[in-house]
Amino acid sequence: MANEDAPLRLNSAEAADTAPFRKADLSSIKADPDSFYEFGYRSVIDQMIARVVETEAPVRADVVAHIRSDLELNRATRFLLNDHSARADRRSTH
């Protein structure tokens, strides 16, 4: 028979469901929205992601991977759109 006075041990998924949510404070990280899609801004995004995971975890690894792939897709899409727009501008001036 289990000891009813023993502390209840939760696995990480159960703990995530019962722990109060804490929102990550990103105010100490200098954000530059205009640089969001630039490759050099990746380290700032990595800092933000790390801070959110550190504060708001547990976050499943597949969710983090999905967020990261969405960021990469958005960055690539923006690059392609900018490149296409620049080519169109060059054609219109010739």
PDB file of N, CA and C in Angstrom:
ATOM      1  N   MET A   1       0.846  -1.165   0.000  1.00  0.00           N
ATOM      2  CA  MET A   1       0.000   0.000   0.000  1.00  0.00           C
ATOM      3  C   MET A   1       0.899   1.239   0.000  1.00  0.00           C
ATOM      4  N   ALA A   2       0.571   2.209  -0.827  1.00  0.00           N
ATOM      5  CA  ALA A   2       1.363   3.428  -0.947  1.00  0.00           C
ATOM      6  C   ALA A   2       1.147   4.317   0.263  1.00  0.00           C
ATOM      7  N   ASN A   3       2.196   5.026   0.643  1.00  0.00           N
ATOM      8  CA  ASN A   3       2.121   5.964   1.757  1.00  0.00           C
ATOM      9  C   ASN A   3       1.412   7.221   1.274  1.00  0.00           C
ATOM     10  N   GLU A   4       0.230   7.492   1.802  1.00  0.00           N
ATOM     11  CA  GLU A   4      -0.556   8.639   1.354  1.00  0.00           C
ATOM     12  C   GLU A   4       0.052   9.962   1.790  1.00  0.00           C
ATOM     13  N   ASP A   5       0.959   9.949   2.767  1.00  0.00           N
ATOM     14  CA  ASP A   5       1.608  11.170   3.227  1.00  0.00           C
ATOM     15  C   ASP A   5       2.878  11.487   2.449  1.00  0.00           C
ATOM     16  N   ALA A   6       3.341  10.563   1.620  1.00  0.00           N
ATOM     17  CA  ALA A   6       4.569  10.782   0.841  1.00  0.00           C
ATOM     18  C   ALA A   6       4.300  11.841  -0.225  1.00  0.00           C
ATOM     19  N   PRO A   7       5.310  12.651  -0.528  1.00  0.00           N
ATOM     20  CA  PRO A   7       5.108  13.675  -1.553  1.00  0.00           C
ATOM     21  C   PRO A   7       4.822  13.036  -2.905  1.00  0.00           C
ATOM     22  N   LEU A   8       3.975  13.669  -3.645  1.00  0.00           N
ATOM     23  CA  LEU A   8       3.614  13.197  -4.970  1.00  0.00           C
ATOM     24  C   LEU A   8       4.725  13.565  -5.938  1.00  0.00           C
ATOM     25  N   ARG A   9       5.240  12.602  -6.664  1.00  0.00           N
ATOM     26  CA  ARG A   9       6.291  12.863  -7.646  1.00  0.00           C
ATOM     27  C   ARG A   9       5.661  12.927  -9.026  1.00  0.00           C
ATOM     28  N   LEU A  10       5.918  14.027  -9.710  1.00  0.00           N
ATOM     29  CA  LEU A  10       5.351  14.230 -11.035  1.00  0.00           C
ATOM     30  C   LEU A  10       6.434  14.092 -12.082  1.00  0.00           C
ATOM     31  N   ASN A  11       6.062  13.535 -13.229  1.00  0.00           N
ATOM     32  CA  ASN A  11       7.027  13.566 -14.323  1.00  0.00           C
ATOM     33  C   ASN A  11       7.009  14.966 -14.916  1.00  0.00           C
ATOM     34  N   SER A  12       7.950  15.277 -15.816  1.00  0.00           N
ATOM     35  CA  SER A  12       8.082  16.654 -16.302  1.00  0.00           C
ATOM     36  C   SER A  12       6.830  17.129 -17.035  1.00  0.00           C
ATOM     37  N   ALA A  13       6.146  16.255 -17.755  1.00  0.00           N
ATOM     38  CA  ALA A  13       4.926  16.660 -18.461  1.00  0.00           C
ATOM     39  C   ALA A  13       3.835  17.026 -17.464  1.00  0.00           C
ATOM     40  N   GLU A  14       3.700  16.228 -16.400  1.00  0.00           N
ATOM     41  CA  GLU A  14       2.704  16.536 -15.370  1.00  0.00           C
ATOM     42  C   GLU A  14       3.077  17.806 -14.624  1.00  0.00           C
ATOM     43  N   ALA A  15       4.367  17.994 -14.367  1.00  0.00           N
ATOM     44  CA  ALA A  15       4.819  19.203 -13.683  1.00  0.00           C
ATOM     45  C   ALA A  15       4.526  20.434 -14.521  1.00  0.00           C
ATOM     46  N   ALA A  16       4.688  20.314 -15.828  1.00  0.00           N
ATOM     47  CA  ALA A  16       4.424  21.449 -16.721  1.00  0.00           C
ATOM     48  C   ALA A  16       2.949  21.830 -16.672  1.00  0.00           C
ATOM     49  N   ASP A  17       2.097  20.833 -16.500  1.00  0.00           N
ATOM     50  CA  ASP A  17       0.665  21.111 -16.451  1.00  0.00           C
ATOM     51  C   ASP A  17       0.247  21.765 -15.133  1.00  0.00           C
ATOM     52  N   THR A  18       1.021  21.570 -14.081  1.00  0.00           N
ATOM     53  CA  THR A  18       0.608  22.084 -12.782  1.00  0.00           C
ATOM     54  C   THR A  18       1.417  23.289 -12.322  1.00  0.00           C
ATOM     55  N   ALA A  19       2.592  23.511 -12.896  1.00  0.00           N
ATOM     56  CA  ALA A  19       3.443  24.631 -12.469  1.00  0.00           C
ATOM     57  C   ALA A  19       2.875  25.939 -13.003  1.00  0.00           C
ATOM     58  N   PRO A  20       3.010  27.017 -12.223  1.00  0.00           N
ATOM     59  CA  PRO A  20       2.542  28.312 -12.727  1.00  0.00           C
ATOM     60  C   PRO A  20       3.411  28.755 -13.899  1.00  0.00           C
ATOM     61  N   PHE A  21       2.791  29.351 -14.873  1.00  0.00           N
ATOM     62  CA  PHE A  21       3.518  29.811 -16.055  1.00  0.00           C
ATOM     63  C   PHE A  21       4.299  31.070 -15.710  1.00  0.00           C
ATOM     64  N   ARG A  22       5.555  31.107 -16.119  1.00  0.00           N
ATOM     65  CA  ARG A  22       6.390  32.291 -15.963  1.00  0.00           C
ATOM     66  C   ARG A  22       6.790  32.757 -17.352  1.00  0.00           C
ATOM     67  N   LYS A  23       6.468  33.991 -17.687  1.00  0.00           N
ATOM     68  CA  LYS A  23       6.822  34.560 -18.988  1.00  0.00           C
ATOM     69  C   LYS A  23       8.263  35.039 -18.954  1.00  0.00           C
ATOM     70  N   ALA A  24       9.011  34.711 -20.000  1.00  0.00           N
ATOM     71  CA  ALA A  24      10.414  35.104 -20.079  1.00  0.00           C
ATOM     72  C   ALA A  24      10.541  36.616 -20.243  1.00  0.00           C
ATOM     73  N   ASP A  25      11.500  37.190 -19.541  1.00  0.00           N
ATOM     74  CA  ASP A  25      11.796  38.613 -19.651  1.00  0.00           C
ATOM     75  C   ASP A  25      12.937  38.784 -20.647  1.00  0.00           C
ATOM     76  N   LEU A  26      12.635  39.334 -21.804  1.00  0.00           N
ATOM     77  CA  LEU A  26      13.637  39.514 -22.855  1.00  0.00           C
ATOM     78  C   LEU A  26      14.141  40.953 -22.926  1.00  0.00           C
ATOM     79  N   SER A  27      13.806  41.759 -21.933  1.00  0.00           N
ATOM     80  CA  SER A  27      14.142  43.181 -21.987  1.00  0.00           C
ATOM     81  C   SER A  27      15.649  43.447 -21.966  1.00  0.00           C
ATOM     82  N   SER A  28      16.442  42.519 -21.460  1.00  0.00           N
ATOM     83  CA  SER A  28      17.890  42.729 -21.416  1.00  0.00           C
ATOM     84  C   SER A  28      18.575  42.361 -22.733  1.00  0.00           C
ATOM     85  N   ILE A  29      17.827  41.806 -23.663  1.00  0.00           N
ATOM     86  CA  ILE A  29      18.378  41.442 -24.968  1.00  0.00           C
ATOM     87  C   ILE A  29      17.969  42.519 -25.966  1.00  0.00           C
ATOM     88  N   LYS A  30      18.953  43.121 -26.611  1.00  0.00           N
ATOM     89  CA  LYS A  30      18.679  44.216 -27.539  1.00  0.00           C
ATOM     90  C   LYS A  30      18.069  43.660 -28.824  1.00  0.00           C
ATOM     91  N   ALA A  31      16.798  43.921 -28.997  1.00  0.00           N
ATOM     92  CA  ALA A  31      16.082  43.453 -30.182  1.00  0.00           C
ATOM     93  C   ALA A  31      16.170  44.499 -31.282  1.00  0.00           C
ATOM     94  N   ASP A  32      16.299  44.019 -32.509  1.00  0.00           N
ATOM     95  CA  ASP A  32      16.321  44.889 -33.682  1.00  0.00           C
ATOM     96  C   ASP A  32      15.427  44.259 -34.739  1.00  0.00           C
ATOM     97  N   PRO A  33      14.136  44.587 -34.726  1.00  0.00           N
ATOM     98  CA  PRO A  33      13.195  43.952 -35.644  1.00  0.00           C
ATOM     99  C   PRO A  33      13.604  44.054 -37.115  1.00  0.00           C
ATOM    100  N   ASP A  34      14.283  45.124 -37.498  1.00  0.00           N
ATOM    101  CA  ASP A  34      14.696  45.267 -38.895  1.00  0.00           C
ATOM    102  C   ASP A  34      15.771  44.256 -39.286  1.00  0.00           C
ATOM    103  N   SER A  35      16.453  43.685 -38.313  1.00  0.00           N
ATOM    104  CA  SER A  35      17.508  42.711 -38.589  1.00  0.00           C
ATOM    105  C   SER A  35      17.035  41.273 -38.438  1.00  0.00           C
ATOM    106  N   PHE A  36      15.768  41.078 -38.141  1.00  0.00           N
ATOM    107  CA  PHE A  36      15.249  39.750 -37.816  1.00  0.00           C
ATOM    108  C   PHE A  36      15.608  38.698 -38.866  1.00  0.00           C
ATOM    109  N   TYR A  37      15.542  39.040 -40.119  1.00  0.00           N
ATOM    110  CA  TYR A  37      15.767  38.059 -41.179  1.00  0.00           C
ATOM    111  C   TYR A  37      17.223  37.984 -41.621  1.00  0.00           C
ATOM    112  N   GLU A  38      18.094  38.761 -41.018  1.00  0.00           N
ATOM    113  CA  GLU A  38      19.511  38.755 -41.376  1.00  0.00           C
ATOM    114  C   GLU A  38      20.213  37.590 -40.689  1.00  0.00           C
ATOM    115  N   PHE A  39      21.131  36.939 -41.403  1.00  0.00           N
ATOM    116  CA  PHE A  39      21.840  35.799 -40.841  1.00  0.00           C
ATOM    117  C   PHE A  39      22.620  36.196 -39.585  1.00  0.00           C
ATOM    118  N   GLY A  40      23.213  37.373 -39.576  1.00  0.00           N
ATOM    119  CA  GLY A  40      23.998  37.832 -38.440  1.00  0.00           C
ATOM    120  C   GLY A  40      23.189  38.043 -37.176  1.00  0.00           C
ATOM    121  N   TYR A  41      21.879  38.112 -37.298  1.00  0.00           N
ATOM    122  CA  TYR A  41      20.994  38.323 -36.146  1.00  0.00           C
ATOM    123  C   TYR A  41      20.673  37.007 -35.442  1.00  0.00           C
ATOM    124  N   ARG A  42      21.144  35.912 -36.023  1.00  0.00           N
ATOM    125  CA  ARG A  42      20.832  34.584 -35.504  1.00  0.00           C
ATOM    126  C   ARG A  42      21.237  34.423 -34.034  1.00  0.00           C
ATOM    127  N   SER A  43      22.382  34.995 -33.647  1.00  0.00           N
ATOM    128  CA  SER A  43      22.837  34.845 -32.259  1.00  0.00           C
ATOM    129  C   SER A  43      21.876  35.528 -31.285  1.00  0.00           C
ATOM    130  N   VAL A  44      21.273  36.638 -31.700  1.00  0.00           N
ATOM    131  CA  VAL A  44      20.307  37.329 -30.838  1.00  0.00           C
ATOM    132  C   VAL A  44      19.045  36.471 -30.698  1.00  0.00           C
ATOM    133  N   ILE A  45      18.599  35.900 -31.801  1.00  0.00           N
ATOM    134  CA  ILE A  45      17.424  35.018 -31.758  1.00  0.00           C
ATOM    135  C   ILE A  45      17.722  33.802 -30.887  1.00  0.00           C
ATOM    136  N   ASP A  46      18.943  33.252 -31.016  1.00  0.00           N
ATOM    137  CA  ASP A  46      19.332  32.122 -30.173  1.00  0.00           C
ATOM    138  C   ASP A  46      19.287  32.493 -28.695  1.00  0.00           C
ATOM    139  N   GLN A  47      19.736  33.712 -28.340  1.00  0.00           N
ATOM    140  CA  GLN A  47      19.677  34.172 -26.950  1.00  0.00           C
ATOM    141  C   GLN A  47      18.233  34.252 -26.476  1.00  0.00           C
ATOM    142  N   MET A  48      17.371  34.777 -27.331  1.00  0.00           N
ATOM    143  CA  MET A  48      15.953  34.895 -26.969  1.00  0.00           C
ATOM    144  C   MET A  48      15.333  33.522 -26.746  1.00  0.00           C
ATOM    145  N   ILE A  49      15.613  32.607 -27.661  1.00  0.00           N
ATOM    146  CA  ILE A  49      15.061  31.251 -27.541  1.00  0.00           C
ATOM    147  C   ILE A  49      15.573  30.598 -26.264  1.00  0.00           C
ATOM    148  N   ALA A  50      16.876  30.737 -26.001  1.00  0.00           N
ATOM    149  CA  ALA A  50      17.452  30.138 -24.795  1.00  0.00           C
ATOM    150  C   ALA A  50      16.801  30.702 -23.534  1.00  0.00           C
ATOM    151  N   ARG A  51      16.582  32.014 -23.511  1.00  0.00           N
ATOM    152  CA  ARG A  51      15.960  32.649 -22.343  1.00  0.00           C
ATOM    153  C   ARG A  51      14.530  32.143 -22.152  1.00  0.00           C
ATOM    154  N   VAL A  52      13.782  32.036 -23.242  1.00  0.00           N
ATOM    155  CA  VAL A  52      12.400  31.551 -23.150  1.00  0.00           C
ATOM    156  C   VAL A  52      12.382  30.109 -22.663  1.00  0.00           C
ATOM    157  N   VAL A  53      13.245  29.277 -23.221  1.00  0.00           N
ATOM    158  CA  VAL A  53      13.274  27.867 -22.816  1.00  0.00           C
ATOM    159  C   VAL A  53      13.701  27.750 -21.355  1.00  0.00           C
ATOM    160  N   GLU A  54      14.709  28.522 -20.966  1.00  0.00           N
ATOM    161  CA  GLU A  54      15.197  28.499 -19.589  1.00  0.00           C
ATOM    162  C   GLU A  54      14.103  28.890 -18.601  1.00  0.00           C
ATOM    163  N   THR A  55      13.304  29.871 -18.966  1.00  0.00           N
ATOM    164  CA  THR A  55      12.276  30.396 -18.060  1.00  0.00           C
ATOM    165  C   THR A  55      10.967  29.622 -18.146  1.00  0.00           C
ATOM    166  N   GLU A  56      10.565  29.286 -19.367  1.00  0.00           N
ATOM    167  CA  GLU A  56       9.230  28.733 -19.572  1.00  0.00           C
ATOM    168  C   GLU A  56       9.213  27.211 -19.714  1.00  0.00           C
ATOM    169  N   ALA A  57      10.387  26.596 -19.609  1.00  0.00           N
ATOM    170  CA  ALA A  57      10.492  25.145 -19.776  1.00  0.00           C
ATOM    171  C   ALA A  57       9.725  24.423 -18.676  1.00  0.00           C
ATOM    172  N   PRO A  58       9.327  23.204 -18.855  1.00  0.00           N
ATOM    173  CA  PRO A  58       9.765  22.345 -19.939  1.00  0.00           C
ATOM    174  C   PRO A  58       8.998  22.617 -21.237  1.00  0.00           C
ATOM    175  N   VAL A  59       9.762  22.696 -22.296  1.00  0.00           N
ATOM    176  CA  VAL A  59       9.222  22.813 -23.644  1.00  0.00           C
ATOM    177  C   VAL A  59       9.748  21.602 -24.409  1.00  0.00           C
ATOM    178  N   ARG A  60       8.870  20.906 -25.059  1.00  0.00           N
ATOM    179  CA  ARG A  60       9.292  19.711 -25.790  1.00  0.00           C
ATOM    180  C   ARG A  60      10.292  20.090 -26.876  1.00  0.00           C
ATOM    181  N   ALA A  61      11.279  19.241 -27.089  1.00  0.00           N
ATOM    182  CA  ALA A  61      12.332  19.497 -28.075  1.00  0.00           C
ATOM    183  C   ALA A  61      11.755  19.656 -29.478  1.00  0.00           C
ATOM    184  N   ASP A  62      10.696  18.911 -29.805  1.00  0.00           N
ATOM    185  CA  ASP A  62      10.122  19.030 -31.143  1.00  0.00           C
ATOM    186  C   ASP A  62       9.475  20.395 -31.352  1.00  0.00           C
ATOM    187  N   VAL A  63       8.970  21.009 -30.281  1.00  0.00           N
ATOM    188  CA  VAL A  63       8.389  22.349 -30.379  1.00  0.00           C
ATOM    189  C   VAL A  63       9.490  23.367 -30.645  1.00  0.00           C
ATOM    190  N   VAL A  64      10.610  23.251 -29.926  1.00  0.00           N
ATOM    191  CA  VAL A  64      11.738  24.151 -30.148  1.00  0.00           C
ATOM    192  C   VAL A  64      12.263  23.994 -31.568  1.00  0.00           C
ATOM    193  N   ALA A  65      12.387  22.763 -32.037  1.00  0.00           N
ATOM    194  CA  ALA A  65      12.865  22.520 -33.399  1.00  0.00           C
ATOM    195  C   ALA A  65      11.907  23.117 -34.419  1.00  0.00           C
ATOM    196  N   HIS A  66      10.620  23.011 -34.156  1.00  0.00           N
ATOM    197  CA  HIS A  66       9.622  23.571 -35.068  1.00  0.00           C
ATOM    198  C   HIS A  66       9.734  25.091 -35.129  1.00  0.00           C
ATOM    199  N   ILE A  67       9.896  25.717 -33.975  1.00  0.00           N
ATOM    200  CA  ILE A  67      10.052  27.180 -33.935  1.00  0.00           C
ATOM    201  C   ILE A  67      11.295  27.584 -34.705  1.00  0.00           C
ATOM    202  N   ARG A  68      12.388  26.873 -34.480  1.00  0.00           N
ATOM    203  CA  ARG A  68      13.644  27.194 -35.160  1.00  0.00           C
ATOM    204  C   ARG A  68      13.499  27.028 -36.662  1.00  0.00           C
ATOM    205  N   SER A  69      12.830  25.957 -37.116  1.00  0.00           N
ATOM    206  CA  SER A  69      12.668  25.754 -38.555  1.00  0.00           C
ATOM    207  C   SER A  69      11.750  26.813 -39.153  1.00  0.00           C
ATOM    208  N   ASP A  70      10.745  27.264 -38.397  1.00  0.00           N
ATOM    209  CA  ASP A  70       9.887  28.356 -38.870  1.00  0.00           C
ATOM    210  C   ASP A  70      10.691  29.640 -39.044  1.00  0.00           C
ATOM    211  N   LEU A  71      11.587  29.921 -38.091  1.00  0.00           N
ATOM    212  CA  LEU A  71      12.431  31.107 -38.209  1.00  0.00           C
ATOM    213  C   LEU A  71      13.321  31.023 -39.443  1.00  0.00           C
ATOM    214  N   GLU A  72      13.896  29.845 -39.665  1.00  0.00           N
ATOM    215  CA  GLU A  72      14.760  29.661 -40.832  1.00  0.00           C
ATOM    216  C   GLU A  72      13.954  29.798 -42.129  1.00  0.00           C
ATOM    217  N   LEU A  73      12.759  29.245 -42.149  1.00  0.00           N
ATOM    218  CA  LEU A  73      11.909  29.352 -43.338  1.00  0.00           C
ATOM    219  C   LEU A  73      11.527  30.803 -43.593  1.00  0.00           C
ATOM    220  N   ASN A  74      11.154  31.524 -42.539  1.00  0.00           N
ATOM    221  CA  ASN A  74      10.806  32.938 -42.696  1.00  0.00           C
ATOM    222  C   ASN A  74      11.988  33.743 -43.207  1.00  0.00           C
ATOM    223  N   ARG A  75      13.169  33.470 -42.667  1.00  0.00           N
ATOM    224  CA  ARG A  75      14.374  34.182 -43.083  1.00  0.00           C
ATOM    225  C   ARG A  75      14.671  33.892 -44.559  1.00  0.00           C
ATOM    226  N   ALA A  76      14.578  32.631 -44.948  1.00  0.00           N
ATOM    227  CA  ALA A  76      14.847  32.256 -46.337  1.00  0.00           C
ATOM    228  C   ALA A  76      13.814  32.869 -47.279  1.00  0.00           C
ATOM    229  N   THR A  77      12.554  32.870 -46.870  1.00  0.00           N
ATOM    230  CA  THR A  77      11.500  33.455 -47.692  1.00  0.00           C
ATOM    231  C   THR A  77      11.738  34.947 -47.878  1.00  0.00           C
ATOM    232  N   ARG A  78      12.090  35.612 -46.809  1.00  0.00           N
ATOM    233  CA  ARG A  78      12.362  37.048 -46.890  1.00  0.00           C
ATOM    234  C   ARG A  78      13.531  37.322 -47.824  1.00  0.00           C
ATOM    235  N   PHE A  79      14.586  36.492 -47.722  1.00  0.00           N
ATOM    236  CA  PHE A  79      15.752  36.644 -48.594  1.00  0.00           C
ATOM    237  C   PHE A  79      15.348  36.478 -50.055  1.00  0.00           C
ATOM    238  N   LEU A  80      14.577  35.442 -50.341  1.00  0.00           N
ATOM    239  CA  LEU A  80      14.155  35.192 -51.724  1.00  0.00           C
ATOM    240  C   LEU A  80      13.274  36.318 -52.248  1.00  0.00           C
ATOM    241  N   LEU A  81      12.366  36.812 -51.419  1.00  0.00           N
ATOM    242  CA  LEU A  81      11.499  37.909 -51.844  1.00  0.00           C
ATOM    243  C   LEU A  81      12.306  39.178 -52.106  1.00  0.00           C
ATOM    244  N   ASN A  82      13.261  39.467 -51.236  1.00  0.00           N
ATOM    245  CA  ASN A  82      14.111  40.641 -51.432  1.00  0.00           C
ATOM    246  C   ASN A  82      14.953  40.491 -52.697  1.00  0.00           C
ATOM    247  N   ASP A  83      15.492  39.297 -52.922  1.00  0.00           N
ATOM    248  CA  ASP A  83      16.308  39.043 -54.104  1.00  0.00           C
ATOM    249  C   ASP A  83      15.462  39.196 -55.367  1.00  0.00           C
ATOM    250  N   HIS A  84      14.253  38.657 -55.341  1.00  0.00           N
ATOM    251  CA  HIS A  84      13.351  38.762 -56.488  1.00  0.00           C
ATOM    252  C   HIS A  84      13.000  40.225 -56.756  1.00  0.00           C
ATOM    253  N   SER A  85      12.720  40.971 -55.695  1.00  0.00           N
ATOM    254  CA  SER A  85      12.385  42.382 -55.826  1.00  0.00           C
ATOM    255  C   SER A  85      13.563  43.175 -56.384  1.00  0.00           C
ATOM    256  N   ALA A  86      14.767  42.865 -55.921  1.00  0.00           N
ATOM    257  CA  ALA A  86      15.962  43.564 -56.417  1.00  0.00           C
ATOM    258  C   ALA A  86      16.176  43.275 -57.896  1.00  0.00           C
ATOM    259  N   ARG A  87      15.954  42.042 -58.311  1.00  0.00           N
ATOM    260  CA  ARG A  87      16.101  41.697 -59.740  1.00  0.00           C
ATOM    261  C   ARG A  87      15.067  42.442 -60.572  1.00  0.00           C
ATOM    262  N   ALA A  88      13.848  42.509 -60.067  1.00  0.00           N
ATOM    263  CA  ALA A  88      12.787  43.212 -60.802  1.00  0.00           C
ATOM    264  C   ALA A  88      13.137  44.703 -60.932  1.00  0.00           C
ATOM    265  N   ASP A  89      13.702  45.268 -59.869  1.00  0.00           N
ATOM    266  CA  ASP A  89      14.119  46.669 -59.922  1.00  0.00           C
ATOM    267  C   ASP A  89      15.221  46.869 -60.958  1.00  0.00           C
ATOM    268  N   ARG A  90      16.169  45.947 -61.006  1.00  0.00           N
ATOM    269  CA  ARG A  90      17.260  46.068 -61.987  1.00  0.00           C
ATOM    270  C   ARG A  90      16.723  45.962 -63.415  1.00  0.00           C
ATOM    271  N   ARG A  91      15.753  45.070 -63.633  1.00  0.00           N
ATOM    272  CA  ARG A  91      15.184  44.921 -64.977  1.00  0.00           C
ATOM    273  C   ARG A  91      14.424  46.156 -65.402  1.00  0.00           C
ATOM    274  N   SER A  92      13.740  46.786 -64.449  1.00  0.00           N
ATOM    275  CA  SER A  92      12.924  47.952 -64.806  1.00  0.00           C
ATOM    276  C   SER A  92      13.775  49.184 -65.114  1.00  0.00           C
ATOM    277  N   THR A  93      15.022  49.189 -64.656  1.00  0.00           N
ATOM    278  CA  THR A  93      15.891  50.342 -64.925  1.00  0.00           C
ATOM    279  C   THR A  93      16.710  50.151 -66.196  1.00  0.00           C
ATOM    280  N   HIS A  94      16.651  48.989 -66.814  1.00  0.00           N
ATOM    281  CA  HIS A  94      17.428  48.732 -68.046  1.00  0.00           C
ATOM    282  C   HIS A  94      16.541  48.755 -69.267  1.00  0.00           C
TER     283      HIS A  94
END
